[in-house]
Amino acid sequence: MDEFIEYLWIWLLFNEFIDDCFEKGGLTISSIHKWCEERNIIYEGLMTVIEERDEFINNLLMQNIDVFYNGLNLKRGTYNLLEIILITYDNFPLE
């Protein structure tokens, strides 16, 4: 489970990096390479994750599954799934 949380954390940080770059108008492939290098993340591996994620989302959409649906009827952008998972994980009793 720790590895899963670590991957989610990397994904969150990467998305923040992308958002920052878009705001500043400076997103380039070389900036992504640099970001990966600074964090000891394999660029090709990150690109594979992005491709797999996109394919997974496309498959859900082709099955008419709303990828933005949540059972709590929370508006998109008003919650952070990673925070929910981390809180749940922190409160999960280890045996």
PDB file of N, CA and C in Angstrom:
ATOM      1  N   MET A   1       0.823  -1.192   0.000  1.00  0.00           N
ATOM      2  CA  MET A   1       0.000   0.000   0.000  1.00  0.00           C
ATOM      3  C   MET A   1       0.870   1.260   0.000  1.00  0.00           C
ATOM      4  N   ASP A   2       2.005   1.224   0.685  1.00  0.00           N
ATOM      5  CA  ASP A   2       2.885   2.395   0.728  1.00  0.00           C
ATOM      6  C   ASP A   2       3.340   2.791  -0.668  1.00  0.00           C
ATOM      7  N   GLU A   3       3.648   1.810  -1.501  1.00  0.00           N
ATOM      8  CA  GLU A   3       4.104   2.093  -2.860  1.00  0.00           C
ATOM      9  C   GLU A   3       2.989   2.759  -3.668  1.00  0.00           C
ATOM     10  N   PHE A   4       1.766   2.296  -3.494  1.00  0.00           N
ATOM     11  CA  PHE A   4       0.619   2.881  -4.177  1.00  0.00           C
ATOM     12  C   PHE A   4       0.463   4.357  -3.786  1.00  0.00           C
ATOM     13  N   ILE A   5       0.552   4.634  -2.495  1.00  0.00           N
ATOM     14  CA  ILE A   5       0.442   6.011  -2.008  1.00  0.00           C
ATOM     15  C   ILE A   5       1.578   6.859  -2.581  1.00  0.00           C
ATOM     16  N   GLU A   6       2.773   6.291  -2.642  1.00  0.00           N
ATOM     17  CA  GLU A   6       3.915   7.018  -3.200  1.00  0.00           C
ATOM     18  C   GLU A   6       3.655   7.390  -4.659  1.00  0.00           C
ATOM     19  N   TYR A   7       3.099   6.464  -5.429  1.00  0.00           N
ATOM     20  CA  TYR A   7       2.791   6.752  -6.832  1.00  0.00           C
ATOM     21  C   TYR A   7       1.723   7.829  -6.955  1.00  0.00           C
ATOM     22  N   LEU A   8       0.721   7.787  -6.086  1.00  0.00           N
ATOM     23  CA  LEU A   8      -0.301   8.832  -6.095  1.00  0.00           C
ATOM     24  C   LEU A   8       0.318  10.188  -5.769  1.00  0.00           C
ATOM     25  N   TRP A   9       1.222  10.188  -4.826  1.00  0.00           N
ATOM     26  CA  TRP A   9       1.893  11.431  -4.431  1.00  0.00           C
ATOM     27  C   TRP A   9       2.709  11.990  -5.603  1.00  0.00           C
ATOM     28  N   ILE A  10       3.421  11.134  -6.295  1.00  0.00           N
ATOM     29  CA  ILE A  10       4.194  11.561  -7.472  1.00  0.00           C
ATOM     30  C   ILE A  10       3.250  12.141  -8.516  1.00  0.00           C
ATOM     31  N   TRP A  11       2.109  11.471  -8.726  1.00  0.00           N
ATOM     32  CA  TRP A  11       1.141  11.945  -9.715  1.00  0.00           C
ATOM     33  C   TRP A  11       0.613  13.329  -9.337  1.00  0.00           C
ATOM     34  N   LEU A  12       0.322  13.522  -8.049  1.00  0.00           N
ATOM     35  CA  LEU A  12      -0.164  14.814  -7.573  1.00  0.00           C
ATOM     36  C   LEU A  12       0.887  15.896  -7.797  1.00  0.00           C
ATOM     37  N   LEU A  13       2.123  15.609  -7.444  1.00  0.00           N
ATOM     38  CA  LEU A  13       3.204  16.576  -7.648  1.00  0.00           C
ATOM     39  C   LEU A  13       3.405  16.897  -9.123  1.00  0.00           C
ATOM     40  N   PHE A  14       3.311  15.879  -9.953  1.00  0.00           N
ATOM     41  CA  PHE A  14       3.462  16.083 -11.400  1.00  0.00           C
ATOM     42  C   PHE A  14       2.336  16.971 -11.933  1.00  0.00           C
ATOM     43  N   ASN A  15       1.119  16.736 -11.488  1.00  0.00           N
ATOM     44  CA  ASN A  15      -0.004  17.565 -11.927  1.00  0.00           C
ATOM     45  C   ASN A  15       0.149  19.011 -11.468  1.00  0.00           C
ATOM     46  N   GLU A  16       0.655  19.211 -10.252  1.00  0.00           N
ATOM     47  CA  GLU A  16       0.919  20.580  -9.782  1.00  0.00           C
ATOM     48  C   GLU A  16       1.980  21.251 -10.645  1.00  0.00           C
ATOM     49  N   PHE A  17       3.007  20.494 -11.011  1.00  0.00           N
ATOM     50  CA  PHE A  17       4.060  21.004 -11.883  1.00  0.00           C
ATOM     51  C   PHE A  17       3.479  21.419 -13.238  1.00  0.00           C
ATOM     52  N   ILE A  18       2.638  20.570 -13.814  1.00  0.00           N
ATOM     53  CA  ILE A  18       2.010  20.858 -15.107  1.00  0.00           C
ATOM     54  C   ILE A  18       1.160  22.126 -15.005  1.00  0.00           C
ATOM     55  N   ASP A  19       0.346  22.207 -13.945  1.00  0.00           N
ATOM     56  CA  ASP A  19      -0.500  23.397 -13.748  1.00  0.00           C
ATOM     57  C   ASP A  19       0.345  24.665 -13.650  1.00  0.00           C
ATOM     58  N   ASP A  20       1.430  24.586 -12.874  1.00  0.00           N
ATOM     59  CA  ASP A  20       2.325  25.749 -12.730  1.00  0.00           C
ATOM     60  C   ASP A  20       2.925  26.154 -14.076  1.00  0.00           C
ATOM     61  N   CYS A  21       3.343  25.162 -14.849  1.00  0.00           N
ATOM     62  CA  CYS A  21       3.933  25.453 -16.160  1.00  0.00           C
ATOM     63  C   CYS A  21       2.916  26.108 -17.085  1.00  0.00           C
ATOM     64  N   PHE A  22       1.674  25.618 -17.077  1.00  0.00           N
ATOM     65  CA  PHE A  22       0.649  26.222 -17.929  1.00  0.00           C
ATOM     66  C   PHE A  22       0.372  27.663 -17.524  1.00  0.00           C
ATOM     67  N   GLU A  23       0.358  27.917 -16.213  1.00  0.00           N
ATOM     68  CA  GLU A  23       0.125  29.286 -15.734  1.00  0.00           C
ATOM     69  C   GLU A  23       1.242  30.220 -16.180  1.00  0.00           C
ATOM     70  N   LYS A  24       2.464  29.704 -16.201  1.00  0.00           N
ATOM     71  CA  LYS A  24       3.618  30.519 -16.574  1.00  0.00           C
ATOM     72  C   LYS A  24       3.894  30.470 -18.073  1.00  0.00           C
ATOM     73  N   GLY A  25       3.189  29.560 -18.781  1.00  0.00           N
ATOM     74  CA  GLY A  25       3.385  29.437 -20.222  1.00  0.00           C
ATOM     75  C   GLY A  25       4.694  28.788 -20.601  1.00  0.00           C
ATOM     76  N   GLY A  26       5.226  27.925 -19.727  1.00  0.00           N
ATOM     77  CA  GLY A  26       6.534  27.360 -20.003  1.00  0.00           C
ATOM     78  C   GLY A  26       6.629  25.853 -19.968  1.00  0.00           C
ATOM     79  N   LEU A  27       5.559  25.164 -20.359  1.00  0.00           N
ATOM     80  CA  LEU A  27       5.617  23.701 -20.359  1.00  0.00           C
ATOM     81  C   LEU A  27       6.292  23.223 -21.636  1.00  0.00           C
ATOM     82  N   THR A  28       7.398  22.514 -21.463  1.00  0.00           N
ATOM     83  CA  THR A  28       8.114  21.931 -22.598  1.00  0.00           C
ATOM     84  C   THR A  28       8.524  20.512 -22.226  1.00  0.00           C
ATOM     85  N   ILE A  29       8.852  19.759 -23.226  1.00  0.00           N
ATOM     86  CA  ILE A  29       9.340  18.398 -22.968  1.00  0.00           C
ATOM     87  C   ILE A  29      10.616  18.457 -22.139  1.00  0.00           C
ATOM     88  N   SER A  30      11.463  19.425 -22.426  1.00  0.00           N
ATOM     89  CA  SER A  30      12.710  19.528 -21.657  1.00  0.00           C
ATOM     90  C   SER A  30      12.434  19.901 -20.201  1.00  0.00           C
ATOM     91  N   SER A  31      11.380  20.691 -19.939  1.00  0.00           N
ATOM     92  CA  SER A  31      11.062  21.019 -18.546  1.00  0.00           C
ATOM     93  C   SER A  31      10.532  19.785 -17.809  1.00  0.00           C
ATOM     94  N   ILE A  32       9.821  18.924 -18.525  1.00  0.00           N
ATOM     95  CA  ILE A  32       9.348  17.676 -17.908  1.00  0.00           C
ATOM     96  C   ILE A  32      10.541  16.761 -17.632  1.00  0.00           C
ATOM     97  N   HIS A  33      11.466  16.676 -18.592  1.00  0.00           N
ATOM     98  CA  HIS A  33      12.689  15.886 -18.378  1.00  0.00           C
ATOM     99  C   HIS A  33      13.437  16.389 -17.139  1.00  0.00           C
ATOM    100  N   LYS A  34      13.583  17.699 -17.032  1.00  0.00           N
ATOM    101  CA  LYS A  34      14.297  18.283 -15.898  1.00  0.00           C
ATOM    102  C   LYS A  34      13.576  17.959 -14.596  1.00  0.00           C
ATOM    103  N   TRP A  35      12.238  18.102 -14.574  1.00  0.00           N
ATOM    104  CA  TRP A  35      11.445  17.803 -13.379  1.00  0.00           C
ATOM    105  C   TRP A  35      11.673  16.346 -12.950  1.00  0.00           C
ATOM    106  N   CYS A  36      11.655  15.447 -13.914  1.00  0.00           N
ATOM    107  CA  CYS A  36      11.877  14.032 -13.614  1.00  0.00           C
ATOM    108  C   CYS A  36      13.285  13.792 -13.075  1.00  0.00           C
ATOM    109  N   GLU A  37      14.263  14.387 -13.730  1.00  0.00           N
ATOM    110  CA  GLU A  37      15.657  14.235 -13.294  1.00  0.00           C
ATOM    111  C   GLU A  37      15.853  14.692 -11.855  1.00  0.00           C
ATOM    112  N   GLU A  38      15.287  15.851 -11.524  1.00  0.00           N
ATOM    113  CA  GLU A  38      15.441  16.417 -10.181  1.00  0.00           C
ATOM    114  C   GLU A  38      14.811  15.533  -9.103  1.00  0.00           C
ATOM    115  N   ARG A  39      13.865  14.699  -9.491  1.00  0.00           N
ATOM    116  CA  ARG A  39      13.164  13.844  -8.525  1.00  0.00           C
ATOM    117  C   ARG A  39      13.508  12.361  -8.680  1.00  0.00           C
ATOM    118  N   ASN A  40      14.509  12.105  -9.531  1.00  0.00           N
ATOM    119  CA  ASN A  40      14.957  10.734  -9.768  1.00  0.00           C
ATOM    120  C   ASN A  40      13.810   9.838 -10.254  1.00  0.00           C
ATOM    121  N   ILE A  41      13.008  10.394 -11.175  1.00  0.00           N
ATOM    122  CA  ILE A  41      11.889   9.672 -11.771  1.00  0.00           C
ATOM    123  C   ILE A  41      12.248   9.397 -13.223  1.00  0.00           C
ATOM    124  N   ILE A  42      11.991   8.196 -13.676  1.00  0.00           N
ATOM    125  CA  ILE A  42      12.304   7.822 -15.051  1.00  0.00           C
ATOM    126  C   ILE A  42      11.248   8.432 -15.974  1.00  0.00           C
ATOM    127  N   TYR A  43      11.697   9.315 -16.850  1.00  0.00           N
ATOM    128  CA  TYR A  43      10.797  10.035 -17.760  1.00  0.00           C
ATOM    129  C   TYR A  43       9.938   9.064 -18.572  1.00  0.00           C
ATOM    130  N   GLU A  44      10.559   8.065 -19.167  1.00  0.00           N
ATOM    131  CA  GLU A  44       9.827   7.116 -20.007  1.00  0.00           C
ATOM    132  C   GLU A  44       8.755   6.380 -19.203  1.00  0.00           C
ATOM    133  N   GLY A  45       9.072   6.081 -17.945  1.00  0.00           N
ATOM    134  CA  GLY A  45       8.098   5.421 -17.077  1.00  0.00           C
ATOM    135  C   GLY A  45       6.906   6.318 -16.802  1.00  0.00           C
ATOM    136  N   LEU A  46       7.168   7.594 -16.572  1.00  0.00           N
ATOM    137  CA  LEU A  46       6.088   8.551 -16.339  1.00  0.00           C
ATOM    138  C   LEU A  46       5.216   8.683 -17.587  1.00  0.00           C
ATOM    139  N   MET A  47       5.837   8.710 -18.759  1.00  0.00           N
ATOM    140  CA  MET A  47       5.066   8.807 -20.001  1.00  0.00           C
ATOM    141  C   MET A  47       4.211   7.549 -20.204  1.00  0.00           C
ATOM    142  N   THR A  48       4.729   6.392 -19.809  1.00  0.00           N
ATOM    143  CA  THR A  48       3.955   5.153 -19.903  1.00  0.00           C
ATOM    144  C   THR A  48       2.740   5.214 -18.988  1.00  0.00           C
ATOM    145  N   VAL A  49       2.924   5.736 -17.791  1.00  0.00           N
ATOM    146  CA  VAL A  49       1.807   5.881 -16.847  1.00  0.00           C
ATOM    147  C   VAL A  49       0.737   6.787 -17.447  1.00  0.00           C
ATOM    148  N   ILE A  50       1.157   7.884 -18.065  1.00  0.00           N
ATOM    149  CA  ILE A  50       0.207   8.819 -18.679  1.00  0.00           C
ATOM    150  C   ILE A  50      -0.562   8.130 -19.805  1.00  0.00           C
ATOM    151  N   GLU A  51       0.144   7.390 -20.647  1.00  0.00           N
ATOM    152  CA  GLU A  51      -0.509   6.674 -21.751  1.00  0.00           C
ATOM    153  C   GLU A  51      -1.507   5.641 -21.227  1.00  0.00           C
ATOM    154  N   GLU A  52      -1.103   4.884 -20.212  1.00  0.00           N
ATOM    155  CA  GLU A  52      -1.988   3.857 -19.642  1.00  0.00           C
ATOM    156  C   GLU A  52      -3.214   4.497 -19.001  1.00  0.00           C
ATOM    157  N   ARG A  53      -3.016   5.616 -18.313  1.00  0.00           N
ATOM    158  CA  ARG A  53      -4.131   6.329 -17.687  1.00  0.00           C
ATOM    159  C   ARG A  53      -5.115   6.800 -18.746  1.00  0.00           C
ATOM    160  N   ASP A  54      -4.594   7.418 -19.810  1.00  0.00           N
ATOM    161  CA  ASP A  54      -5.460   7.907 -20.887  1.00  0.00           C
ATOM    162  C   ASP A  54      -6.231   6.771 -21.541  1.00  0.00           C
ATOM    163  N   GLU A  55      -5.564   5.642 -21.766  1.00  0.00           N
ATOM    164  CA  GLU A  55      -6.224   4.483 -22.369  1.00  0.00           C
ATOM    165  C   GLU A  55      -7.322   3.949 -21.450  1.00  0.00           C
ATOM    166  N   PHE A  56      -7.039   3.897 -20.162  1.00  0.00           N
ATOM    167  CA  PHE A  56      -8.022   3.431 -19.185  1.00  0.00           C
ATOM    168  C   PHE A  56      -9.255   4.346 -19.185  1.00  0.00           C
ATOM    169  N   ILE A  57      -9.026   5.657 -19.166  1.00  0.00           N
ATOM    170  CA  ILE A  57     -10.131   6.617 -19.186  1.00  0.00           C
ATOM    171  C   ILE A  57     -10.922   6.480 -20.481  1.00  0.00           C
ATOM    172  N   ASN A  58     -10.245   6.347 -21.611  1.00  0.00           N
ATOM    173  CA  ASN A  58     -10.938   6.171 -22.892  1.00  0.00           C
ATOM    174  C   ASN A  58     -11.797   4.912 -22.895  1.00  0.00           C
ATOM    175  N   ASN A  59     -11.283   3.828 -22.326  1.00  0.00           N
ATOM    176  CA  ASN A  59     -12.064   2.584 -22.248  1.00  0.00           C
ATOM    177  C   ASN A  59     -13.315   2.773 -21.395  1.00  0.00           C
ATOM    178  N   LEU A  60     -13.192   3.491 -20.296  1.00  0.00           N
ATOM    179  CA  LEU A  60     -14.363   3.764 -19.453  1.00  0.00           C
ATOM    180  C   LEU A  60     -15.384   4.606 -20.211  1.00  0.00           C
ATOM    181  N   LEU A  61     -14.922   5.611 -20.908  1.00  0.00           N
ATOM    182  CA  LEU A  61     -15.821   6.474 -21.674  1.00  0.00           C
ATOM    183  C   LEU A  61     -16.534   5.694 -22.782  1.00  0.00           C
ATOM    184  N   MET A  62     -15.819   4.773 -23.416  1.00  0.00           N
ATOM    185  CA  MET A  62     -16.427   3.956 -24.468  1.00  0.00           C
ATOM    186  C   MET A  62     -17.529   3.045 -23.913  1.00  0.00           C
ATOM    187  N   GLN A  63     -17.446   2.764 -22.615  1.00  0.00           N
ATOM    188  CA  GLN A  63     -18.470   1.948 -21.954  1.00  0.00           C
ATOM    189  C   GLN A  63     -19.560   2.824 -21.318  1.00  0.00           C
ATOM    190  N   ASN A  64     -19.556   4.116 -21.672  1.00  0.00           N
ATOM    191  CA  ASN A  64     -20.527   5.085 -21.140  1.00  0.00           C
ATOM    192  C   ASN A  64     -20.457   5.228 -19.627  1.00  0.00           C
ATOM    193  N   ILE A  65     -19.256   5.119 -19.082  1.00  0.00           N
ATOM    194  CA  ILE A  65     -19.046   5.309 -17.651  1.00  0.00           C
ATOM    195  C   ILE A  65     -18.557   6.739 -17.433  1.00  0.00           C
ATOM    196  N   ASP A  66     -19.235   7.455 -16.566  1.00  0.00           N
ATOM    197  CA  ASP A  66     -18.866   8.840 -16.255  1.00  0.00           C
ATOM    198  C   ASP A  66     -17.645   8.819 -15.345  1.00  0.00           C
ATOM    199  N   VAL A  67     -16.506   9.199 -15.889  1.00  0.00           N
ATOM    200  CA  VAL A  67     -15.259   9.138 -15.126  1.00  0.00           C
ATOM    201  C   VAL A  67     -15.190  10.212 -14.057  1.00  0.00           C
ATOM    202  N   PHE A  68     -16.106  11.179 -14.086  1.00  0.00           N
ATOM    203  CA  PHE A  68     -16.107  12.237 -13.090  1.00  0.00           C
ATOM    204  C   PHE A  68     -17.167  12.037 -12.019  1.00  0.00           C
ATOM    205  N   TYR A  69     -17.921  10.943 -12.109  1.00  0.00           N
ATOM    206  CA  TYR A  69     -18.958  10.663 -11.117  1.00  0.00           C
ATOM    207  C   TYR A  69     -18.324  10.294  -9.777  1.00  0.00           C
ATOM    208  N   ASN A  70     -18.918  10.784  -8.706  1.00  0.00           N
ATOM    209  CA  ASN A  70     -18.525  10.327  -7.374  1.00  0.00           C
ATOM    210  C   ASN A  70     -19.799  10.134  -6.566  1.00  0.00           C
ATOM    211  N   GLY A  71     -19.827   9.123  -5.763  1.00  0.00           N
ATOM    212  CA  GLY A  71     -21.019   8.748  -5.021  1.00  0.00           C
ATOM    213  C   GLY A  71     -21.450   9.738  -3.959  1.00  0.00           C
ATOM    214  N   LEU A  72     -20.602  10.687  -3.627  1.00  0.00           N
ATOM    215  CA  LEU A  72     -20.944  11.673  -2.607  1.00  0.00           C
ATOM    216  C   LEU A  72     -21.547  12.937  -3.217  1.00  0.00           C
ATOM    217  N   ASN A  73     -21.672  12.953  -4.541  1.00  0.00           N
ATOM    218  CA  ASN A  73     -22.202  14.119  -5.254  1.00  0.00           C
ATOM    219  C   ASN A  73     -21.425  15.406  -4.951  1.00  0.00           C
ATOM    220  N   LEU A  74     -20.131  15.263  -4.746  1.00  0.00           N
ATOM    221  CA  LEU A  74     -19.279  16.430  -4.527  1.00  0.00           C
ATOM    222  C   LEU A  74     -18.935  17.044  -5.882  1.00  0.00           C
ATOM    223  N   LYS A  75     -18.936  18.358  -5.949  1.00  0.00           N
ATOM    224  CA  LYS A  75     -18.595  19.032  -7.192  1.00  0.00           C
ATOM    225  C   LYS A  75     -17.131  18.795  -7.513  1.00  0.00           C
ATOM    226  N   ARG A  76     -16.859  18.642  -8.798  1.00  0.00           N
ATOM    227  CA  ARG A  76     -15.493  18.418  -9.253  1.00  0.00           C
ATOM    228  C   ARG A  76     -14.620  19.588  -8.802  1.00  0.00           C
ATOM    229  N   GLY A  77     -13.468  19.272  -8.257  1.00  0.00           N
ATOM    230  CA  GLY A  77     -12.531  20.290  -7.805  1.00  0.00           C
ATOM    231  C   GLY A  77     -12.728  20.723  -6.360  1.00  0.00           C
ATOM    232  N   THR A  78     -13.750  20.156  -5.688  1.00  0.00           N
ATOM    233  CA  THR A  78     -13.994  20.546  -4.298  1.00  0.00           C
ATOM    234  C   THR A  78     -13.440  19.529  -3.313  1.00  0.00           C
ATOM    235  N   TYR A  79     -12.817  18.481  -3.815  1.00  0.00           N
ATOM    236  CA  TYR A  79     -12.236  17.468  -2.950  1.00  0.00           C
ATOM    237  C   TYR A  79     -10.928  16.990  -3.557  1.00  0.00           C
ATOM    238  N   ASN A  80     -10.109  16.376  -2.729  1.00  0.00           N
ATOM    239  CA  ASN A  80      -8.824  15.866  -3.176  1.00  0.00           C
ATOM    240  C   ASN A  80      -8.779  14.381  -2.851  1.00  0.00           C
ATOM    241  N   LEU A  81      -8.868  13.551  -3.887  1.00  0.00           N
ATOM    242  CA  LEU A  81      -8.920  12.107  -3.689  1.00  0.00           C
ATOM    243  C   LEU A  81      -7.687  11.600  -2.949  1.00  0.00           C
ATOM    244  N   LEU A  82      -6.528  12.143  -3.243  1.00  0.00           N
ATOM    245  CA  LEU A  82      -5.311  11.698  -2.563  1.00  0.00           C
ATOM    246  C   LEU A  82      -5.402  11.962  -1.062  1.00  0.00           C
ATOM    247  N   GLU A  83      -5.919  13.136  -0.678  1.00  0.00           N
ATOM    248  CA  GLU A  83      -6.070  13.442   0.747  1.00  0.00           C
ATOM    249  C   GLU A  83      -7.035  12.462   1.411  1.00  0.00           C
ATOM    250  N   ILE A  84      -8.126  12.133   0.729  1.00  0.00           N
ATOM    251  CA  ILE A  84      -9.094  11.171   1.273  1.00  0.00           C
ATOM    252  C   ILE A  84      -8.423   9.816   1.478  1.00  0.00           C
ATOM    253  N   ILE A  85      -7.652   9.378   0.495  1.00  0.00           N
ATOM    254  CA  ILE A  85      -6.964   8.089   0.606  1.00  0.00           C
ATOM    255  C   ILE A  85      -5.948   8.126   1.747  1.00  0.00           C
ATOM    256  N   LEU A  86      -5.175   9.211   1.850  1.00  0.00           N
ATOM    257  CA  LEU A  86      -4.165   9.305   2.905  1.00  0.00           C
ATOM    258  C   LEU A  86      -4.793   9.320   4.291  1.00  0.00           C
ATOM    259  N   ILE A  87      -5.899  10.045   4.455  1.00  0.00           N
ATOM    260  CA  ILE A  87      -6.584  10.075   5.752  1.00  0.00           C
ATOM    261  C   ILE A  87      -7.096   8.680   6.101  1.00  0.00           C
ATOM    262  N   THR A  88      -7.696   8.019   5.137  1.00  0.00           N
ATOM    263  CA  THR A  88      -8.209   6.658   5.349  1.00  0.00           C
ATOM    264  C   THR A  88      -7.056   5.722   5.684  1.00  0.00           C
ATOM    265  N   TYR A  89      -5.950   5.857   4.941  1.00  0.00           N
ATOM    266  CA  TYR A  89      -4.780   4.999   5.147  1.00  0.00           C
ATOM    267  C   TYR A  89      -4.183   5.221   6.537  1.00  0.00           C
ATOM    268  N   ASP A  90      -4.083   6.477   6.965  1.00  0.00           N
ATOM    269  CA  ASP A  90      -3.533   6.797   8.280  1.00  0.00           C
ATOM    270  C   ASP A  90      -4.398   6.233   9.411  1.00  0.00           C
ATOM    271  N   ASN A  91      -5.704   6.143   9.178  1.00  0.00           N
ATOM    272  CA  ASN A  91      -6.619   5.656  10.204  1.00  0.00           C
ATOM    273  C   ASN A  91      -6.891   4.156  10.107  1.00  0.00           C
ATOM    274  N   PHE A  92      -6.284   3.514   9.110  1.00  0.00           N
ATOM    275  CA  PHE A  92      -6.502   2.083   8.913  1.00  0.00           C
ATOM    276  C   PHE A  92      -5.655   1.301   9.921  1.00  0.00           C
ATOM    277  N   PRO A  93      -6.302   0.459  10.718  1.00  0.00           N
ATOM    278  CA  PRO A  93      -5.534  -0.290  11.728  1.00  0.00           C
ATOM    279  C   PRO A  93      -4.630  -1.341  11.089  1.00  0.00           C
ATOM    280  N   LEU A  94      -3.373  -1.286  11.435  1.00  0.00           N
ATOM    281  CA  LEU A  94      -2.427  -2.284  10.936  1.00  0.00           C
ATOM    282  C   LEU A  94      -2.383  -3.463  11.889  1.00  0.00           C
ATOM    283  N   GLU A  95      -2.431  -4.638  11.316  1.00  0.00           N
ATOM    284  CA  GLU A  95      -2.418  -5.843  12.175  1.00  0.00           C
ATOM    285  C   GLU A  95      -1.118  -6.569  12.021  1.00  0.00           C
TER     286      GLU A  95
END
